[in-house]
Amino acid sequence: MYKEFNDQFPDVSNKANHIHMAYWGEINDDAYSWFASLATALNKEMIRQPPNKTHEAIFEFFRQHYLMGDAQTKNCIDVSLVENLFWQVPQNKIEPYWTLFPGKLKCLYEAFHGSPPRT
């Protein structure tokens, strides 16, 4: 899933790589930590710009991989990505992204946090 994501979304992958390197010092084989870095990169994008087709495609990528993935893939998406999205994103920036967020991923987010993000 990591390689496929990097191939399909090189710009946001590079942003996640920079965040990951700043925190961990290297790109390692731990997909969980890299996808947490990706969540941070996406959160920074949410703060800086309105959603676009790339964000919608990213959310759909993870919805499909969650639905079709094995238990480890599902857990990685849930724990590393979904649980870390919307963190410290201002309230007025969340709603357009939350609207694009697929229902299954919303359920994962709400199951962990107990409610949707502050929209």
C-alpha atoms as a PDB file:
ATOM      1  CA  MET A   1       0.000   0.000   0.000  1.00  0.00           C
ATOM      2  CA  TYR A   2       2.891   2.382   0.798  1.00  0.00           C
ATOM      3  CA  LYS A   3       4.503   1.969  -2.630  1.00  0.00           C
ATOM      4  CA  GLU A   4       1.178   2.261  -4.430  1.00  0.00           C
ATOM      5  CA  PHE A   5       0.336   5.437  -2.510  1.00  0.00           C
ATOM      6  CA  ASN A   6       3.753   6.939  -3.293  1.00  0.00           C
ATOM      7  CA  ASP A   7       3.314   6.143  -6.977  1.00  0.00           C
ATOM      8  CA  GLN A   8      -0.188   7.655  -7.149  1.00  0.00           C
ATOM      9  CA  PHE A   9       0.381  10.692  -4.925  1.00  0.00           C
ATOM     10  CA  PRO A  10       4.050  11.710  -5.186  1.00  0.00           C
ATOM     11  CA  ASP A  11       3.581  15.329  -4.057  1.00  0.00           C
ATOM     12  CA  VAL A  12       1.884  14.554  -0.756  1.00  0.00           C
ATOM     13  CA  SER A  13       4.163  11.530  -0.293  1.00  0.00           C
ATOM     14  CA  ASN A  14       7.191  13.824  -0.501  1.00  0.00           C
ATOM     15  CA  LYS A  15       5.641  16.089   2.134  1.00  0.00           C
ATOM     16  CA  ALA A  16       5.045  13.070   4.374  1.00  0.00           C
ATOM     17  CA  ASN A  17       8.625  11.912   3.784  1.00  0.00           C
ATOM     18  CA  HIS A  18       9.993  15.279   4.952  1.00  0.00           C
ATOM     19  CA  ILE A  19       7.843  15.176   8.084  1.00  0.00           C
ATOM     20  CA  HIS A  20       8.841  11.582   8.720  1.00  0.00           C
ATOM     21  CA  MET A  21      12.559  12.309   8.253  1.00  0.00           C
ATOM     22  CA  ALA A  22      12.385  15.319  10.577  1.00  0.00           C
ATOM     23  CA  TYR A  23      10.858  13.184  13.301  1.00  0.00           C
ATOM     24  CA  TRP A  24      12.492   9.776  12.787  1.00  0.00           C
ATOM     25  CA  GLY A  25      15.710  10.676  10.947  1.00  0.00           C
ATOM     26  CA  GLU A  26      15.126   8.139   8.178  1.00  0.00           C
ATOM     27  CA  ILE A  27      12.462   6.385   6.181  1.00  0.00           C
ATOM     28  CA  ASN A  28      12.136   2.991   7.821  1.00  0.00           C
ATOM     29  CA  ASP A  29      10.018  -0.089   7.215  1.00  0.00           C
ATOM     30  CA  ASP A  30       7.422   0.901   9.808  1.00  0.00           C
ATOM     31  CA  ALA A  31       4.316   1.675   7.770  1.00  0.00           C
ATOM     32  CA  TYR A  32       2.448   2.757  10.885  1.00  0.00           C
ATOM     33  CA  SER A  33       4.812   5.641  11.611  1.00  0.00           C
ATOM     34  CA  TRP A  34       4.951   6.700   7.954  1.00  0.00           C
ATOM     35  CA  PHE A  35       1.156   6.821   7.627  1.00  0.00           C
ATOM     36  CA  ALA A  36       1.015   8.887  10.827  1.00  0.00           C
ATOM     37  CA  SER A  37       3.444  11.277   9.100  1.00  0.00           C
ATOM     38  CA  LEU A  38       1.138  11.290   6.109  1.00  0.00           C
ATOM     39  CA  ALA A  39      -1.762  12.280   8.378  1.00  0.00           C
ATOM     40  CA  THR A  40       0.352  15.193   9.623  1.00  0.00           C
ATOM     41  CA  ALA A  41       1.096  16.241   6.034  1.00  0.00           C
ATOM     42  CA  LEU A  42      -2.599  16.095   5.162  1.00  0.00           C
ATOM     43  CA  ASN A  43      -3.496  18.094   8.272  1.00  0.00           C
ATOM     44  CA  LYS A  44      -1.030  20.799   7.205  1.00  0.00           C
ATOM     45  CA  GLU A  45      -2.627  20.864   3.764  1.00  0.00           C
ATOM     46  CA  MET A  46      -6.076  21.182   5.327  1.00  0.00           C
ATOM     47  CA  ILE A  47      -4.871  24.272   7.168  1.00  0.00           C
ATOM     48  CA  ARG A  48      -3.288  25.893   4.089  1.00  0.00           C
ATOM     49  CA  GLN A  49      -5.641  25.143   1.226  1.00  0.00           C
ATOM     50  CA  PRO A  50      -9.182  24.154   0.358  1.00  0.00           C
ATOM     51  CA  PRO A  51      -9.853  20.550  -0.627  1.00  0.00           C
ATOM     52  CA  ASN A  52      -9.303  19.555  -4.212  1.00  0.00           C
ATOM     53  CA  LYS A  53      -9.564  16.475  -6.395  1.00  0.00           C
ATOM     54  CA  THR A  54      -6.308  15.081  -5.011  1.00  0.00           C
ATOM     55  CA  HIS A  55      -7.673  15.066  -1.455  1.00  0.00           C
ATOM     56  CA  GLU A  56     -10.822  13.354  -2.621  1.00  0.00           C
ATOM     57  CA  ALA A  57      -8.731  10.755  -4.482  1.00  0.00           C
ATOM     58  CA  ILE A  58      -6.540  10.195  -1.397  1.00  0.00           C
ATOM     59  CA  PHE A  59      -9.571   9.586   0.804  1.00  0.00           C
ATOM     60  CA  GLU A  60     -10.998   7.205  -1.791  1.00  0.00           C
ATOM     61  CA  PHE A  61      -7.652   5.379  -2.020  1.00  0.00           C
ATOM     62  CA  PHE A  62      -7.795   4.638   1.696  1.00  0.00           C
ATOM     63  CA  ARG A  63     -11.481   3.731   1.630  1.00  0.00           C
ATOM     64  CA  GLN A  64     -10.842   1.139  -1.060  1.00  0.00           C
ATOM     65  CA  HIS A  65      -7.758  -0.250   0.665  1.00  0.00           C
ATOM     66  CA  TYR A  66      -9.640  -0.449   3.940  1.00  0.00           C
ATOM     67  CA  LEU A  67     -12.538  -2.328   2.339  1.00  0.00           C
ATOM     68  CA  MET A  68     -10.298  -4.694   0.365  1.00  0.00           C
ATOM     69  CA  GLY A  69      -7.349  -4.979   2.751  1.00  0.00           C
ATOM     70  CA  ASP A  70      -6.302  -7.630   5.196  1.00  0.00           C
ATOM     71  CA  ALA A  71      -6.460  -7.092   8.955  1.00  0.00           C
ATOM     72  CA  GLN A  72      -3.016  -5.462   9.099  1.00  0.00           C
ATOM     73  CA  THR A  73      -3.863  -2.999   6.306  1.00  0.00           C
ATOM     74  CA  LYS A  74      -7.162  -2.104   7.969  1.00  0.00           C
ATOM     75  CA  ASN A  75      -5.468  -1.578  11.317  1.00  0.00           C
ATOM     76  CA  CYS A  76      -2.751   0.598   9.771  1.00  0.00           C
ATOM     77  CA  ILE A  77      -5.313   2.826   8.048  1.00  0.00           C
ATOM     78  CA  ASP A  78      -7.421   3.067  11.192  1.00  0.00           C
ATOM     79  CA  VAL A  79      -4.682   3.585  13.794  1.00  0.00           C
ATOM     80  CA  SER A  80      -2.026   5.483  11.848  1.00  0.00           C
ATOM     81  CA  LEU A  81      -3.997   7.585   9.417  1.00  0.00           C
ATOM     82  CA  VAL A  82      -7.638   8.052  10.369  1.00  0.00           C
ATOM     83  CA  GLU A  83      -7.085   8.541  14.098  1.00  0.00           C
ATOM     84  CA  ASN A  84      -4.513  11.275  13.378  1.00  0.00           C
ATOM     85  CA  LEU A  85      -6.433  13.227  10.762  1.00  0.00           C
ATOM     86  CA  PHE A  86      -7.988  16.603  11.596  1.00  0.00           C
ATOM     87  CA  TRP A  87      -5.606  17.036  14.578  1.00  0.00           C
ATOM     88  CA  GLN A  88      -5.103  20.744  15.284  1.00  0.00           C
ATOM     89  CA  VAL A  89      -6.922  21.734  12.097  1.00  0.00           C
ATOM     90  CA  PRO A  90      -8.943  24.883  12.806  1.00  0.00           C
ATOM     91  CA  GLN A  91     -12.659  24.348  13.052  1.00  0.00           C
ATOM     92  CA  ASN A  92     -13.436  26.496   9.998  1.00  0.00           C
ATOM     93  CA  LYS A  93     -11.112  24.345   7.824  1.00  0.00           C
ATOM     94  CA  ILE A  94     -12.470  20.910   8.755  1.00  0.00           C
ATOM     95  CA  GLU A  95     -15.955  20.851   7.245  1.00  0.00           C
ATOM     96  CA  PRO A  96     -15.031  20.839   3.535  1.00  0.00           C
ATOM     97  CA  TYR A  97     -12.653  17.918   4.121  1.00  0.00           C
ATOM     98  CA  TRP A  98     -15.047  16.056   6.405  1.00  0.00           C
ATOM     99  CA  THR A  99     -17.690  16.303   3.677  1.00  0.00           C
ATOM    100  CA  LEU A 100     -15.322  14.481   1.286  1.00  0.00           C
ATOM    101  CA  PHE A 101     -14.290  11.907   3.877  1.00  0.00           C
ATOM    102  CA  PRO A 102     -15.824   8.490   3.040  1.00  0.00           C
ATOM    103  CA  GLY A 103     -18.484   7.125   5.384  1.00  0.00           C
ATOM    104  CA  LYS A 104     -16.486   4.053   6.412  1.00  0.00           C
ATOM    105  CA  LEU A 105     -13.512   6.188   7.397  1.00  0.00           C
ATOM    106  CA  LYS A 106     -15.829   8.575   9.264  1.00  0.00           C
ATOM    107  CA  CYS A 107     -17.089   5.594  11.274  1.00  0.00           C
ATOM    108  CA  LEU A 108     -13.504   4.669  12.202  1.00  0.00           C
ATOM    109  CA  TYR A 109     -12.745   8.235  13.238  1.00  0.00           C
ATOM    110  CA  GLU A 110     -15.886   8.543  15.332  1.00  0.00           C
ATOM    111  CA  ALA A 111     -15.360   5.134  16.942  1.00  0.00           C
ATOM    112  CA  PHE A 112     -11.959   6.267  18.207  1.00  0.00           C
ATOM    113  CA  HIS A 113     -12.699   9.909  19.058  1.00  0.00           C
ATOM    114  CA  GLY A 114     -16.310   9.465  20.142  1.00  0.00           C
ATOM    115  CA  SER A 115     -17.585  12.134  17.732  1.00  0.00           C
ATOM    116  CA  PRO A 116     -16.781  13.783  14.443  1.00  0.00           C
ATOM    117  CA  PRO A 117     -14.077  16.448  14.452  1.00  0.00           C
ATOM    118  CA  ARG A 118     -15.198  19.926  15.465  1.00  0.00           C
ATOM    119  CA  THR A 119     -16.939  21.114  12.298  1.00  0.00           C
END
